[in-house]
């Protein structure tokens, strides 16, 4: 069978999926939204900042903790990423250091940051009737990054749900993540040592004291605890910034914040029977927090999402070191084995992996009575829709307008994606007796339903920021 033709037919249904979104009554996108300040850094700026600080090259080239206490640590982190061409995110622990950054760095542009904020904008464009976005801080500078949709709401200073873009909680301080970009081939000379950047990438310096402790807005909590506000889906994110103990000496426990947040979400579910909870498992550096998220939060959610590296991180805290190492190959077969282990070990109801070129979802058959969210064909359609919109985001750089959503519709799935799908199909046939996965994208056995969708890849993406969040949310919302 011609696989490209088969998948062109499966993708043909994508435009109709938008109609399902317009029937979604309410989605909560919680907990994190912030401001991303994007700055393209020319190497000469590093030398300039060193002069301001009176820092020498050895302070900047020195290895140390991946944390920003003093301004020189920002330069140290940037130079490490620049020299290797890698992306890293370091937390800014001190307000005085943030003040120096605010005074000296500047930015080329501001954009919406945080999974909660990014997802909220996308869902509003896709047409959900009401999108509730939680903001620990919502001054006018943050509010202006939300799209101008009356359906997209948050709480104002009086605690009322109003269109998020018009809110100004004047006592709130902006939460800014600096994204310092650098270009392949750029050269930086420090103390006679010439560093040439091998790959374009970015270094992220995050000052976010409220989200560091998962600060929850009581007015938002109260609003969603009332049945009068329709709610079909609850999308959880932002836990990756928690630490144990909390960053910067904040009182309390990161582990306790996880439990407290779930208690609130449980009240929302009680007020809205049938609401589906999805937890997006972002890259979490603190091992105690990562294990708690895996063992406590993920099994309680109805659905979990992750990428390749996040899957490997989950396997590590579950003690599956050998399988985690196998997954480092990033091939579909090994990643599927890892995903299946997580699904089984944690007793998950639905889990989705978004890897390069392929999305894979495992669904517990016993959940079928709860509706399309747990039905394979509906998931295949949702995943194809998400793949189309993700390609549009990569190709256009923005999903601010509804006309961009289907920009990639009609493009063929990539050869790389089909190659990964065929390898996975052969493994499932041999190991689990599942046939025709490559042609249909679906297979079932006693323990699981599996859905696998090859994706549309864009050769020169404009942006990949927030891609995983977009994929997970769009794959799910609209299935109910």
Protein backbone atom coordinates (compact mmCIF):
# COMPACT_ATOMS: atom_id res chain seq x y z
CA UNK A 1 0.00 0.00 0.00
CA UNK A 2 1.17 3.53 -0.80
CA UNK A 3 1.68 4.95 2.69
CA UNK A 4 1.87 8.56 1.55
CA UNK A 5 -1.50 8.21 -0.17
CA UNK A 6 -3.00 6.50 2.87
CA UNK A 7 -1.84 9.28 5.19
CA UNK A 8 -2.97 11.98 2.79
CA UNK A 9 -6.45 10.49 3.18
CA UNK A 10 -6.16 10.40 6.97
CA UNK A 11 -5.06 14.04 7.00
CA UNK A 12 -7.91 15.05 4.67
CA UNK A 13 -10.24 15.21 7.69
CA UNK A 14 -8.17 17.85 9.48
CA UNK A 15 -10.21 20.97 8.51
CA UNK A 16 -13.34 19.42 9.97
CA UNK A 17 -11.60 19.12 13.32
CA UNK A 18 -11.88 22.87 13.79
CA UNK A 19 -15.64 22.45 14.06
CA UNK A 20 -15.13 20.22 17.10
CA UNK A 21 -13.13 22.96 18.80
CA UNK A 22 -15.99 25.38 18.39
CA UNK A 23 -18.19 23.01 20.41
CA UNK A 24 -15.81 22.99 23.39
CA UNK A 25 -17.49 24.95 26.18
CA UNK A 26 -14.49 25.64 28.41
CA UNK A 27 -10.77 24.90 28.81
CA UNK A 28 -8.56 25.90 31.74
CA UNK A 29 -4.89 26.48 30.91
CA UNK A 30 -2.90 26.49 34.14
CA UNK A 31 -0.60 27.32 35.87
CA UNK A 32 2.24 29.26 34.22
CA UNK A 33 2.32 32.30 31.97
CA UNK A 34 5.26 34.68 31.72
CA UNK A 35 6.98 37.17 29.43
CA UNK A 36 9.75 35.97 27.12
CA UNK A 37 12.25 38.75 26.36
CA UNK A 38 14.13 37.65 23.24
CA UNK A 39 17.54 39.15 22.54
CA UNK A 40 19.99 38.22 19.77
CA UNK A 41 23.40 38.58 21.43
CA UNK A 42 26.41 39.67 19.38
CA UNK A 43 29.64 38.36 20.99
CA UNK A 44 30.84 41.91 21.62
CA UNK A 45 27.99 42.42 24.09
CA UNK A 46 29.50 39.76 26.35
CA UNK A 47 32.80 41.65 26.50
CA UNK A 48 30.86 44.86 27.20
CA UNK A 49 28.95 43.26 30.08
CA UNK A 50 32.19 41.84 31.50
CA UNK A 51 33.60 45.37 31.55
CA UNK A 52 30.54 46.66 33.40
CA UNK A 53 31.02 43.99 36.06
CA UNK A 54 34.80 44.16 36.23
CA UNK A 55 34.83 40.41 35.50
CA UNK A 56 37.79 38.60 34.00
CA UNK A 57 37.68 35.82 31.42
CA UNK A 58 38.30 33.07 33.97
CA UNK A 59 35.12 33.96 35.88
CA UNK A 60 33.19 33.62 32.63
CA UNK A 61 34.93 30.42 31.45
CA UNK A 62 34.83 28.75 34.87
CA UNK A 63 32.56 25.76 35.42
CA UNK A 64 30.08 25.83 38.27
CA UNK A 65 26.49 25.25 39.31
CA UNK A 66 23.91 25.82 36.59
CA UNK A 67 22.29 28.62 38.56
CA UNK A 68 22.44 32.41 38.32
CA UNK A 69 23.23 34.00 41.67
CA UNK A 70 25.38 36.92 40.49
CA UNK A 71 25.34 38.69 37.09
CA UNK A 72 28.63 37.01 36.14
CA UNK A 73 26.83 33.66 36.33
CA UNK A 74 24.58 34.84 33.48
CA UNK A 75 27.67 35.42 31.33
CA UNK A 76 29.12 32.08 32.40
CA UNK A 77 25.96 30.25 31.34
CA UNK A 78 25.73 32.11 28.05
CA UNK A 79 29.35 31.36 27.15
CA UNK A 80 28.92 27.67 27.99
CA UNK A 81 25.93 27.38 25.65
CA UNK A 82 27.53 29.57 22.97
CA UNK A 83 30.71 27.46 22.91
CA UNK A 84 28.79 24.17 22.61
CA UNK A 85 25.85 25.35 20.49
CA UNK A 86 23.38 23.94 23.03
CA UNK A 87 20.24 25.24 24.73
CA UNK A 88 19.98 25.45 28.51
CA UNK A 89 17.75 27.21 31.04
CA UNK A 90 19.20 28.49 34.32
CA UNK A 91 17.18 30.00 37.16
CA UNK A 92 17.94 33.50 38.47
CA UNK A 93 17.91 33.12 42.25
CA UNK A 94 18.35 36.75 43.37
CA UNK A 95 16.20 39.82 42.75
CA UNK A 96 19.29 42.07 42.64
CA UNK A 97 20.67 40.04 39.76
CA UNK A 98 17.36 40.32 37.92
CA UNK A 99 17.45 44.10 38.46
CA UNK A 100 20.91 44.21 36.82
CA UNK A 101 19.58 42.18 33.88
CA UNK A 102 16.56 44.46 33.49
CA UNK A 103 18.79 47.53 33.47
CA UNK A 104 21.52 46.20 31.16
CA UNK A 105 20.27 43.50 28.78
CA UNK A 106 17.39 44.98 26.85
CA UNK A 107 15.48 42.89 24.30
CA UNK A 108 14.59 42.74 20.61
CA UNK A 109 11.00 41.67 21.23
CA UNK A 110 8.61 40.42 23.87
CA UNK A 111 6.50 37.33 23.34
CA UNK A 112 4.15 35.10 25.30
CA UNK A 113 5.98 32.59 27.45
CA UNK A 114 5.07 29.70 29.71
CA UNK A 115 3.11 26.63 28.64
CA UNK A 116 -0.09 27.97 30.18
CA UNK A 117 0.08 31.27 28.30
CA UNK A 118 1.13 29.75 24.98
CA UNK A 119 -1.59 27.09 25.09
CA UNK A 120 -4.28 29.64 26.01
CA UNK A 121 -3.55 31.78 22.97
CA UNK A 122 -3.59 28.78 20.62
CA UNK A 123 -6.87 27.43 21.99
CA UNK A 124 -8.53 30.82 21.66
CA UNK A 125 -7.47 31.06 18.00
CA UNK A 126 -8.68 27.50 17.37
CA UNK A 127 -12.15 28.54 18.53
CA UNK A 128 -12.82 27.12 22.01
CA UNK A 129 -15.80 29.02 23.40
CA UNK A 130 -14.11 29.89 26.70
CA UNK A 131 -10.44 29.65 27.69
CA UNK A 132 -9.52 30.34 31.31
CA UNK A 133 -5.83 31.20 31.72
CA UNK A 134 -4.19 31.31 35.14
CA UNK A 135 -1.63 34.06 35.75
CA UNK A 136 0.31 34.33 38.98
CA UNK A 137 1.17 37.86 37.82
CA UNK A 138 -0.84 39.88 35.32
CA UNK A 139 0.34 43.46 34.86
CA UNK A 140 -0.49 45.25 31.60
CA UNK A 141 2.84 44.18 30.07
CA UNK A 142 1.87 40.50 30.47
CA UNK A 143 -1.78 41.03 29.52
CA UNK A 144 -0.79 42.68 26.25
CA UNK A 145 0.73 39.38 25.07
CA UNK A 146 -2.64 37.61 25.20
CA UNK A 147 -4.64 37.67 21.99
CA UNK A 148 -7.60 40.01 21.68
CA UNK A 149 -10.37 37.42 22.07
CA UNK A 150 -13.27 37.92 24.45
CA UNK A 151 -13.29 34.13 24.94
CA UNK A 152 -9.81 34.24 26.55
CA UNK A 153 -10.28 35.28 30.18
CA UNK A 154 -8.38 35.63 33.44
CA UNK A 155 -8.95 37.30 36.79
CA UNK A 156 -8.60 41.05 37.24
CA UNK A 157 -7.58 42.91 40.42
CA UNK A 158 -11.16 42.58 41.76
CA UNK A 159 -11.13 38.80 41.19
CA UNK A 160 -13.59 38.85 38.27
CA UNK A 161 -13.11 36.78 35.10
CA UNK A 162 -12.69 39.26 32.24
CA UNK A 163 -10.90 39.25 28.84
CA UNK A 164 -7.24 38.66 29.71
CA UNK A 165 -5.81 41.19 27.27
CA UNK A 166 -7.48 44.11 29.04
CA UNK A 167 -6.35 43.23 32.57
CA UNK A 168 -3.85 45.31 34.53
CA UNK A 169 -3.14 44.13 38.05
CA UNK A 170 -0.89 47.11 38.87
CA UNK A 171 0.65 45.61 41.99
CA UNK A 172 1.96 42.59 40.05
CA UNK A 173 5.58 42.50 38.92
CA UNK A 174 6.35 41.20 35.41
CA UNK A 175 7.83 37.68 35.34
CA UNK A 176 10.47 37.73 32.63
CA UNK A 177 12.45 34.91 31.06
CA UNK A 178 15.35 36.24 29.00
CA UNK A 179 16.01 34.20 25.87
CA UNK A 180 19.52 35.05 24.70
CA UNK A 181 19.97 33.78 21.15
CA UNK A 182 23.28 33.24 19.34
CA UNK A 183 24.22 32.35 15.77
CA UNK A 184 26.26 29.54 14.30
CA UNK A 185 29.69 30.74 13.25
CA UNK A 186 29.79 33.73 15.61
CA UNK A 187 33.19 34.19 17.29
CA UNK A 188 33.99 35.28 20.83
CA UNK A 189 37.55 35.92 22.02
CA UNK A 190 38.28 35.73 25.73
CA UNK A 191 41.80 35.95 27.11
CA UNK A 192 43.36 34.85 23.84
CA UNK A 193 40.96 31.91 23.51
CA UNK A 194 38.76 32.08 20.41
CA UNK A 195 35.36 30.40 20.72
CA UNK A 196 33.38 29.68 17.56
CA UNK A 197 29.71 28.84 17.99
CA UNK A 198 28.98 25.45 16.30
CA UNK A 199 25.17 25.75 16.15
CA UNK A 200 22.57 28.48 16.47
CA UNK A 201 20.71 28.11 19.75
CA UNK A 202 19.70 29.98 22.92
CA UNK A 203 20.42 30.41 26.62
CA UNK A 204 17.44 31.11 28.86
CA UNK A 205 17.79 33.02 32.13
CA UNK A 206 14.59 32.76 34.14
CA UNK A 207 13.52 35.05 36.96
CA UNK A 208 10.08 33.91 38.02
CA UNK A 209 9.67 33.94 41.81
CA UNK A 210 5.92 33.30 41.78
CA UNK A 211 6.08 30.37 39.38
CA UNK A 212 9.16 29.07 41.22
CA UNK A 213 6.73 28.25 44.04
CA UNK A 214 3.68 27.60 41.82
CA UNK A 215 1.79 30.56 43.28
CA UNK A 216 -1.94 30.03 42.74
CA UNK A 217 -4.47 32.83 42.34
CA UNK A 218 -7.27 32.37 44.88
CA UNK A 219 -9.82 34.28 42.79
CA UNK A 220 -9.13 32.06 39.78
CA UNK A 221 -9.42 28.98 41.98
CA UNK A 222 -12.77 30.16 43.35
CA UNK A 223 -14.13 30.89 39.88
CA UNK A 224 -13.34 27.43 38.53
CA UNK A 225 -14.77 25.83 41.66
CA UNK A 226 -18.21 27.16 40.68
CA UNK A 227 -20.34 24.98 38.35
CA UNK A 228 -21.61 28.08 36.53
CA UNK A 229 -18.37 28.40 34.56
CA UNK A 230 -18.38 25.63 31.91
CA UNK A 231 -15.26 23.46 31.96
CA UNK A 232 -14.51 20.47 29.72
CA UNK A 233 -10.70 20.28 29.93
CA UNK A 234 -8.03 21.24 32.49
CA UNK A 235 -4.50 21.51 31.08
CA UNK A 236 -1.77 21.44 33.76
CA UNK A 237 1.79 22.70 33.26
CA UNK A 238 4.46 24.76 35.00
CA UNK A 239 5.59 22.28 37.64
CA UNK A 240 9.10 22.05 36.18
CA UNK A 241 10.20 25.23 37.98
CA UNK A 242 9.53 23.76 41.43
CA UNK A 243 12.46 22.64 43.57
CA UNK A 244 12.80 20.90 46.92
CA UNK A 245 13.43 23.05 48.91
CA UNK A 246 11.99 25.99 46.99
CA UNK A 247 14.35 28.23 45.02
CA UNK A 248 15.69 31.41 46.62
CA UNK A 249 14.89 30.43 50.18
CA UNK A 250 11.12 30.80 49.73
CA UNK A 251 9.18 29.24 52.63
CA UNK A 252 7.39 25.97 52.10
CA UNK A 253 7.95 22.79 50.15
CA UNK A 254 7.88 22.13 46.41
CA UNK A 255 6.42 18.69 47.09
CA UNK A 256 3.66 20.26 49.17
CA UNK A 257 2.88 22.69 46.33
CA UNK A 258 2.21 19.74 44.02
CA UNK A 259 -0.25 18.23 46.51
CA UNK A 260 -1.94 21.59 47.13
CA UNK A 261 -2.40 22.27 43.42
CA UNK A 262 -3.97 18.84 42.90
CA UNK A 263 -6.40 19.46 45.78
CA UNK A 264 -7.59 22.57 43.95
CA UNK A 265 -7.85 20.81 40.61
CA UNK A 266 -9.87 18.07 42.31
CA UNK A 267 -12.38 20.71 43.48
CA UNK A 268 -12.71 21.93 39.90
CA UNK A 269 -13.40 18.38 38.76
CA UNK A 270 -16.04 17.94 41.44
CA UNK A 271 -17.77 21.10 40.23
CA UNK A 272 -17.55 19.93 36.61
CA UNK A 273 -18.15 16.16 36.42
CA UNK A 274 -16.59 14.68 33.30
CA UNK A 275 -13.88 17.34 32.92
CA UNK A 276 -10.68 15.78 31.53
CA UNK A 277 -7.34 16.66 33.18
CA UNK A 278 -4.16 16.63 31.07
CA UNK A 279 -0.71 17.02 32.64
CA UNK A 280 2.16 18.18 30.41
CA UNK A 281 5.42 16.78 31.79
CA UNK A 282 8.05 19.42 30.99
CA UNK A 283 11.79 19.05 31.58
CA UNK A 284 12.17 18.99 35.37
CA UNK A 285 15.69 19.26 36.79
CA UNK A 286 14.96 18.64 40.47
CA UNK A 287 14.90 14.86 40.91
CA UNK A 288 12.63 14.88 43.97
CA UNK A 289 10.08 17.03 42.14
CA UNK A 290 10.36 14.93 38.98
CA UNK A 291 9.71 11.71 40.89
CA UNK A 292 6.74 13.21 42.73
CA UNK A 293 5.24 14.40 39.46
CA UNK A 294 5.67 10.93 37.99
CA UNK A 295 4.42 8.90 40.93
CA UNK A 296 1.80 11.25 42.44
CA UNK A 297 0.46 13.65 39.80
CA UNK A 298 0.68 11.73 36.51
CA UNK A 299 -1.42 8.72 37.63
CA UNK A 300 -4.15 11.04 38.91
CA UNK A 301 -4.44 12.91 35.60
CA UNK A 302 -6.59 11.54 32.79
CA UNK A 303 -3.87 12.22 30.23
CA UNK A 304 -0.12 12.89 30.23
CA UNK A 305 2.13 14.40 27.55
CA UNK A 306 5.91 14.42 27.12
CA UNK A 307 8.72 14.65 24.57
CA UNK A 308 11.69 12.31 24.14
CA UNK A 309 13.95 13.87 26.78
CA UNK A 310 11.11 14.19 29.28
CA UNK A 311 10.28 10.50 28.77
CA UNK A 312 13.90 9.60 29.47
CA UNK A 313 13.77 11.72 32.63
CA UNK A 314 10.67 9.86 33.85
CA UNK A 315 12.32 6.49 33.23
CA UNK A 316 15.34 7.61 35.26
CA UNK A 317 13.31 8.44 38.38
CA UNK A 318 11.41 5.16 38.01
CA UNK A 319 14.73 3.31 38.24
CA UNK A 320 14.67 2.19 34.59
CA UNK A 321 18.23 3.30 33.88
CA UNK A 322 18.96 0.72 31.18
CA UNK A 323 15.80 1.54 29.23
CA UNK A 324 16.50 5.25 29.65
CA UNK A 325 19.89 4.72 28.02
CA UNK A 326 18.29 2.79 25.16
CA UNK A 327 15.91 5.67 24.56
CA UNK A 328 18.88 8.02 24.07
CA UNK A 329 18.99 6.70 20.50
CA UNK A 330 15.72 8.64 19.98
CA UNK A 331 14.41 5.95 17.62
CA UNK A 332 10.69 5.17 17.59
CA UNK A 333 11.02 1.55 18.69
CA UNK A 334 13.11 2.22 21.80
CA UNK A 335 11.04 5.25 22.70
CA UNK A 336 7.87 3.18 22.38
CA UNK A 337 9.35 0.60 24.76
CA UNK A 338 10.08 3.40 27.21
CA UNK A 339 6.62 4.87 26.81
CA UNK A 340 4.99 1.49 27.39
CA UNK A 341 7.04 0.98 30.56
CA UNK A 342 5.93 4.36 31.93
CA UNK A 343 2.30 3.64 30.95
CA UNK A 344 2.40 0.29 32.77
CA UNK A 345 4.44 1.32 35.81
CA UNK A 346 2.31 4.37 36.58
CA UNK A 347 -1.04 2.91 35.54
CA UNK A 348 -1.74 5.81 33.17
CA UNK A 349 -5.05 6.19 31.36
CA UNK A 350 -3.69 8.02 28.32
CA UNK A 351 -0.13 9.11 27.54
CA UNK A 352 1.21 10.84 24.45
CA UNK A 353 4.80 11.13 23.24
CA UNK A 354 5.61 13.85 20.73
CA UNK A 355 8.96 12.92 19.19
CA UNK A 356 10.66 14.24 16.08
CA UNK A 357 8.56 13.07 13.15
CA UNK A 358 6.07 10.90 15.01
CA UNK A 359 3.39 11.20 17.70
CA UNK A 360 2.51 8.08 19.71
CA UNK A 361 -0.43 7.74 22.11
CA UNK A 362 -1.21 4.83 24.42
CA UNK A 363 -4.75 4.53 25.78
CA UNK A 364 -6.10 2.18 28.44
CA UNK A 365 -8.95 0.14 26.86
CA UNK A 366 -11.00 0.21 30.07
CA UNK A 367 -11.44 3.97 29.64
CA UNK A 368 -13.35 3.63 26.35
CA UNK A 369 -16.75 4.23 27.98
CA UNK A 370 -15.68 7.79 28.85
CA UNK A 371 -15.92 8.94 25.26
CA UNK A 372 -13.79 10.08 22.29
CA UNK A 373 -10.82 11.22 24.41
CA UNK A 374 -10.05 7.50 24.86
CA UNK A 375 -11.14 6.29 21.40
CA UNK A 376 -8.32 5.46 18.92
CA UNK A 377 -9.83 6.90 15.74
CA UNK A 378 -10.72 10.19 17.40
CA UNK A 379 -7.18 10.39 18.76
CA UNK A 380 -5.72 9.74 15.31
CA UNK A 381 -7.78 12.61 13.91
CA UNK A 382 -6.76 14.88 16.80
CA UNK A 383 -3.10 14.04 16.40
CA UNK A 384 -3.23 14.73 12.64
CA UNK A 385 -4.84 18.09 13.40
CA UNK A 386 -2.14 18.87 15.96
CA UNK A 387 0.59 17.87 13.49
CA UNK A 388 -0.87 20.19 10.86
CA UNK A 389 -1.07 23.14 13.23
CA UNK A 390 2.41 22.44 14.64
CA UNK A 391 3.78 22.55 11.09
CA UNK A 392 1.98 25.85 10.58
CA UNK A 393 3.59 27.25 13.72
CA UNK A 394 7.02 26.10 12.55
CA UNK A 395 6.50 27.44 9.04
CA UNK A 396 4.88 30.80 9.77
CA UNK A 397 6.31 31.50 13.22
CA UNK A 398 2.93 32.47 14.65
CA UNK A 399 -0.53 31.11 15.38
CA UNK A 400 -2.01 34.51 16.22
CA UNK A 401 -4.49 34.34 13.35
CA UNK A 402 -7.04 31.64 12.54
CA UNK A 403 -6.04 31.63 8.87
CA UNK A 404 -2.58 30.36 9.84
CA UNK A 405 -3.89 27.20 11.50
CA UNK A 406 -4.26 25.23 8.27
CA UNK A 407 -1.25 26.74 6.48
CA UNK A 408 0.36 23.29 6.19
CA UNK A 409 -2.78 21.36 5.26
CA UNK A 410 -2.27 19.35 2.07
CA UNK A 411 1.48 18.90 2.57
CA UNK A 412 2.72 15.33 2.66
CA UNK A 413 4.08 13.67 5.77
CA UNK A 414 7.86 13.41 5.71
CA UNK A 415 9.93 10.44 4.59
CA UNK A 416 11.66 10.44 7.98
CA UNK A 417 8.27 10.21 9.70
CA UNK A 418 7.18 7.27 7.56
CA UNK A 419 10.47 5.50 8.20
CA UNK A 420 9.95 5.78 11.97
CA UNK A 421 6.34 4.64 11.62
CA UNK A 422 7.31 1.56 9.61
CA UNK A 423 9.96 0.59 12.16
CA UNK A 424 7.43 0.94 14.98
CA UNK A 425 4.80 -1.04 13.04
CA UNK A 426 7.26 -3.91 12.49
CA UNK A 427 8.08 -3.98 16.21
CA UNK A 428 4.42 -3.97 17.25
CA UNK A 429 3.63 -6.78 14.83
CA UNK A 430 6.48 -8.92 16.16
CA UNK A 431 6.17 -8.13 19.86
CA UNK A 432 2.42 -7.62 20.29
CA UNK A 433 0.77 -9.16 17.24
CA UNK A 434 -0.58 -5.83 15.96
CA UNK A 435 -1.02 -5.54 12.19
CA UNK A 436 -1.60 -2.64 9.81
CA UNK A 437 -0.34 0.11 12.13
CA UNK A 438 1.65 1.74 9.33
CA UNK A 439 -1.44 2.02 7.11
CA UNK A 440 -4.07 2.91 9.71
CA UNK A 441 -2.07 4.44 12.57
CA UNK A 442 -4.03 2.30 15.05
CA UNK A 443 -3.63 -1.00 16.87
CA UNK A 444 -5.16 -2.70 19.90
CA UNK A 445 -4.40 -5.51 22.31
CA UNK A 446 -5.66 -6.44 25.78
CA UNK A 447 -3.37 -3.99 27.59
CA UNK A 448 -3.47 -0.93 25.36
CA UNK A 449 -4.68 0.89 22.30
CA UNK A 450 -1.82 2.50 20.38
CA UNK A 451 -2.16 5.38 17.93
CA UNK A 452 0.82 6.56 15.88
CA UNK A 453 0.75 9.48 13.45
CA UNK A 454 3.61 10.52 11.14
CA UNK A 455 4.05 14.28 10.97
CA UNK A 456 4.69 17.09 8.51
CA UNK A 457 8.22 18.43 8.94
CA UNK A 458 9.27 21.93 7.93
CA UNK A 459 12.83 22.17 6.57
CA UNK A 460 13.65 25.62 7.93
CA UNK A 461 11.36 26.29 10.90
CA UNK A 462 10.84 29.89 11.94
CA UNK A 463 10.26 28.82 15.54
CA UNK A 464 10.03 25.69 17.68
CA UNK A 465 9.19 27.46 20.96
CA UNK A 466 6.12 25.99 22.65
CA UNK A 467 5.77 23.23 20.08
CA UNK A 468 5.20 20.37 22.50
CA UNK A 469 2.54 22.29 24.42
CA UNK A 470 0.74 23.08 21.17
CA UNK A 471 0.81 19.44 20.07
CA UNK A 472 -0.49 17.98 23.32
CA UNK A 473 -3.30 20.46 23.79
CA UNK A 474 -4.55 20.39 20.22
CA UNK A 475 -4.40 16.59 20.09
CA UNK A 476 -6.75 16.41 23.07
CA UNK A 477 -9.12 19.37 23.14
CA UNK A 478 -12.00 18.90 20.75
CA UNK A 479 -12.09 15.13 21.16
CA UNK A 480 -14.76 15.32 23.86
